[in-house]
Structure formats: structure tokens, C-alpha cells
Amino acid sequence: MYAAKFNGYGVRYFSPDMDREPAERRELESELSNALESGGFTVVYQRLCQPDGILKGFEALLRFHSPRLGNIPP
């Protein structure tokens, strides 16, 4: 339904690819939930530089590494 509605098509036929994205999303949500409970996040600091290369500060980034999925991008 969503593929037909949001892609501008009136009719779409089911394909296994349509089911893969929601399944991957559920798996990621489950991994993130487990990480929240077990403290599976790490803080990484990234330098912020001016165009001339002078350091002007740092940005704190929260990172997550899943044992099953590997490094999860932001």
C-alpha cells in the first residue's frame, strides 16, 4: 500500500524486497533497545576546524556497534 501511495503509482505488486526493509528496521530497533539496556553506546569526539585548519572545538557523537550488525552509521 505504501509503495503505491508514496511512489505515485496507482498499482504495485508485492515483491520480497518490500518486506525486507521493515524486517531490517525491526532488527535494528531491537538491537538499539538492547544497547540502551546494556550500555552499548560509546561517545566519540570529532574535531571541528576552521577553514584555515585552526581547531575551534569538538563535537560529541554517540556511536553504536552491534555484535550482529557491526558498526551502525548515524
N, C-alpha and C. Protein backbone atom coordinates (compact mmCIF):
# COMPACT_ATOMS: atom_id res chain seq x y z
N MET A 1 0.82 -1.18 0.00
CA MET A 1 0.00 0.00 0.00
C MET A 1 0.87 1.26 0.00
N TYR A 2 1.89 1.28 0.89
CA TYR A 2 2.72 2.48 0.98
C TYR A 2 3.55 2.69 -0.27
N ALA A 3 4.02 1.61 -0.89
CA ALA A 3 4.80 1.74 -2.12
C ALA A 3 3.96 2.36 -3.21
N ALA A 4 2.71 1.97 -3.34
CA ALA A 4 1.83 2.53 -4.35
C ALA A 4 1.46 3.97 -4.01
N LYS A 5 1.22 4.24 -2.75
CA LYS A 5 0.77 5.55 -2.32
C LYS A 5 1.87 6.61 -2.44
N PHE A 6 3.08 6.29 -1.99
CA PHE A 6 4.13 7.30 -1.92
C PHE A 6 5.02 7.37 -3.14
N ASN A 7 4.96 6.39 -4.01
CA ASN A 7 5.76 6.43 -5.23
C ASN A 7 4.98 6.95 -6.43
N GLY A 8 3.74 7.35 -6.21
CA GLY A 8 2.95 7.94 -7.28
C GLY A 8 2.32 6.93 -8.23
N TYR A 9 2.40 5.65 -7.89
CA TYR A 9 1.79 4.63 -8.73
C TYR A 9 0.44 4.25 -8.15
N GLY A 10 -0.50 3.91 -9.02
CA GLY A 10 -1.80 3.50 -8.55
C GLY A 10 -1.85 2.04 -8.15
N VAL A 11 -0.98 1.22 -8.77
CA VAL A 11 -0.98 -0.22 -8.51
C VAL A 11 0.46 -0.68 -8.33
N ARG A 12 0.70 -1.52 -7.32
CA ARG A 12 2.01 -2.13 -7.13
C ARG A 12 1.78 -3.58 -6.74
N TYR A 13 2.63 -4.44 -7.21
CA TYR A 13 2.56 -5.86 -6.85
C TYR A 13 3.61 -6.15 -5.79
N PHE A 14 3.27 -7.04 -4.89
CA PHE A 14 4.16 -7.37 -3.80
C PHE A 14 5.42 -8.05 -4.32
N SER A 15 6.55 -7.67 -3.75
CA SER A 15 7.81 -8.36 -4.03
C SER A 15 8.51 -8.59 -2.68
N PRO A 16 9.35 -9.61 -2.59
CA PRO A 16 10.05 -9.87 -1.33
C PRO A 16 10.90 -8.68 -0.84
N ASP A 17 11.37 -7.84 -1.76
CA ASP A 17 12.14 -6.66 -1.36
C ASP A 17 11.31 -5.70 -0.51
N MET A 18 10.02 -5.66 -0.73
CA MET A 18 9.15 -4.77 0.04
C MET A 18 9.11 -5.18 1.51
N ASP A 19 9.27 -6.46 1.78
CA ASP A 19 9.21 -6.97 3.15
C ASP A 19 10.56 -6.89 3.85
N ARG A 20 11.64 -6.80 3.08
CA ARG A 20 12.98 -6.79 3.65
C ARG A 20 13.25 -5.54 4.47
N GLU A 21 12.87 -4.38 3.99
CA GLU A 21 13.14 -3.14 4.71
C GLU A 21 12.49 -3.08 6.08
N PRO A 22 11.20 -3.39 6.22
CA PRO A 22 10.61 -3.40 7.57
C PRO A 22 11.27 -4.42 8.50
N ALA A 23 11.67 -5.57 7.98
CA ALA A 23 12.32 -6.58 8.81
C ALA A 23 13.68 -6.07 9.30
N GLU A 24 14.44 -5.41 8.41
CA GLU A 24 15.73 -4.85 8.80
C GLU A 24 15.55 -3.75 9.84
N ARG A 25 14.51 -2.95 9.67
CA ARG A 25 14.24 -1.88 10.63
C ARG A 25 13.89 -2.44 12.01
N ARG A 26 13.07 -3.50 12.04
CA ARG A 26 12.72 -4.12 13.32
C ARG A 26 13.96 -4.71 14.00
N GLU A 27 14.85 -5.30 13.22
CA GLU A 27 16.08 -5.87 13.79
C GLU A 27 16.96 -4.77 14.38
N LEU A 28 17.09 -3.66 13.66
CA LEU A 28 17.89 -2.54 14.16
C LEU A 28 17.27 -1.94 15.42
N GLU A 29 15.96 -1.78 15.44
CA GLU A 29 15.28 -1.26 16.63
C GLU A 29 15.50 -2.18 17.83
N SER A 30 15.47 -3.47 17.61
CA SER A 30 15.70 -4.43 18.68
C SER A 30 17.13 -4.31 19.20
N GLU A 31 18.10 -4.19 18.30
CA GLU A 31 19.50 -4.04 18.70
C GLU A 31 19.71 -2.74 19.48
N LEU A 32 19.10 -1.66 19.04
CA LEU A 32 19.23 -0.38 19.74
C LEU A 32 18.59 -0.44 21.12
N SER A 33 17.47 -1.11 21.23
CA SER A 33 16.80 -1.26 22.53
C SER A 33 17.68 -2.04 23.49
N ASN A 34 18.29 -3.11 23.00
CA ASN A 34 19.21 -3.89 23.83
C ASN A 34 20.41 -3.06 24.26
N ALA A 35 20.92 -2.23 23.36
CA ALA A 35 22.07 -1.38 23.68
C ALA A 35 21.72 -0.36 24.76
N LEU A 36 20.51 0.17 24.72
CA LEU A 36 20.08 1.12 25.75
C LEU A 36 20.08 0.46 27.12
N GLU A 37 19.63 -0.79 27.18
CA GLU A 37 19.56 -1.50 28.45
C GLU A 37 20.94 -1.92 28.97
N SER A 38 21.85 -2.23 28.05
CA SER A 38 23.14 -2.77 28.46
C SER A 38 24.29 -1.77 28.38
N GLY A 39 23.99 -0.52 28.04
CA GLY A 39 25.06 0.48 27.93
C GLY A 39 25.96 0.25 26.74
N GLY A 40 25.39 -0.11 25.61
CA GLY A 40 26.15 -0.45 24.42
C GLY A 40 26.54 0.72 23.54
N PHE A 41 26.40 1.94 24.02
CA PHE A 41 26.76 3.11 23.23
C PHE A 41 28.10 3.66 23.71
N THR A 42 28.83 4.29 22.80
CA THR A 42 30.08 4.96 23.16
C THR A 42 30.04 6.38 22.64
N VAL A 43 30.76 7.26 23.33
CA VAL A 43 30.87 8.65 22.91
C VAL A 43 32.21 8.83 22.20
N VAL A 44 32.16 9.44 21.03
CA VAL A 44 33.36 9.72 20.24
C VAL A 44 33.39 11.23 20.02
N TYR A 45 34.57 11.81 20.14
CA TYR A 45 34.71 13.25 19.93
C TYR A 45 35.34 13.50 18.57
N GLN A 46 34.72 14.41 17.82
CA GLN A 46 35.20 14.76 16.49
C GLN A 46 35.66 16.21 16.51
N ARG A 47 36.83 16.45 15.97
CA ARG A 47 37.37 17.82 15.94
C ARG A 47 36.58 18.68 14.96
N LEU A 48 36.40 19.94 15.31
CA LEU A 48 35.80 20.93 14.42
C LEU A 48 36.87 21.97 14.13
N CYS A 49 37.21 22.10 12.86
CA CYS A 49 38.27 23.03 12.47
C CYS A 49 37.71 24.12 11.57
N GLN A 50 38.34 25.28 11.66
CA GLN A 50 38.02 26.39 10.76
C GLN A 50 38.62 26.07 9.39
N PRO A 51 38.19 26.79 8.34
CA PRO A 51 38.74 26.52 7.01
C PRO A 51 40.27 26.62 6.92
N ASP A 52 40.86 27.45 7.80
CA ASP A 52 42.32 27.58 7.78
C ASP A 52 43.02 26.49 8.59
N GLY A 53 42.26 25.53 9.14
CA GLY A 53 42.83 24.41 9.86
C GLY A 53 42.96 24.60 11.35
N ILE A 54 42.60 25.76 11.87
CA ILE A 54 42.70 26.01 13.31
C ILE A 54 41.54 25.32 14.03
N LEU A 55 41.88 24.61 15.08
CA LEU A 55 40.88 23.91 15.87
C LEU A 55 39.97 24.91 16.57
N LYS A 56 38.66 24.73 16.40
CA LYS A 56 37.73 25.64 17.07
C LYS A 56 36.85 24.94 18.10
N GLY A 57 36.91 23.62 18.17
CA GLY A 57 36.13 22.90 19.18
C GLY A 57 35.98 21.43 18.84
N PHE A 58 35.09 20.79 19.58
CA PHE A 58 34.82 19.38 19.39
C PHE A 58 33.32 19.14 19.36
N GLU A 59 32.94 18.07 18.72
CA GLU A 59 31.55 17.65 18.65
C GLU A 59 31.48 16.25 19.25
N ALA A 60 30.55 16.04 20.17
CA ALA A 60 30.38 14.72 20.79
C ALA A 60 29.37 13.92 19.97
N LEU A 61 29.77 12.72 19.59
CA LEU A 61 28.92 11.86 18.78
C LEU A 61 28.66 10.55 19.52
N LEU A 62 27.44 10.10 19.50
CA LEU A 62 27.07 8.83 20.12
C LEU A 62 27.13 7.75 19.07
N ARG A 63 27.91 6.70 19.33
CA ARG A 63 28.10 5.61 18.36
C ARG A 63 27.60 4.29 18.95
N PHE A 64 27.20 3.41 18.04
CA PHE A 64 26.70 2.11 18.44
C PHE A 64 27.32 1.04 17.56
N HIS A 65 27.88 0.02 18.21
CA HIS A 65 28.41 -1.15 17.49
C HIS A 65 27.59 -2.35 17.92
N SER A 66 26.92 -2.96 16.97
CA SER A 66 26.11 -4.14 17.23
C SER A 66 26.96 -5.39 17.03
N PRO A 67 26.90 -6.34 17.95
CA PRO A 67 27.63 -7.59 17.76
C PRO A 67 27.18 -8.34 16.50
N ARG A 68 25.91 -8.20 16.15
CA ARG A 68 25.38 -8.92 14.97
C ARG A 68 25.44 -8.09 13.70
N LEU A 69 25.24 -6.78 13.79
CA LEU A 69 25.14 -5.94 12.60
C LEU A 69 26.39 -5.13 12.32
N GLY A 70 27.33 -5.10 13.24
CA GLY A 70 28.55 -4.30 13.05
C GLY A 70 28.33 -2.85 13.45
N ASN A 71 29.16 -1.96 12.92
CA ASN A 71 29.02 -0.53 13.20
C ASN A 71 27.78 0.02 12.52
N ILE A 72 26.97 0.73 13.28
CA ILE A 72 25.74 1.31 12.77
C ILE A 72 26.00 2.78 12.46
N PRO A 73 25.80 3.21 11.21
CA PRO A 73 26.05 4.62 10.88
C PRO A 73 24.99 5.53 11.51
N PRO A 74 25.32 6.81 11.66
CA PRO A 74 24.34 7.74 12.24
C PRO A 74 23.07 7.84 11.40
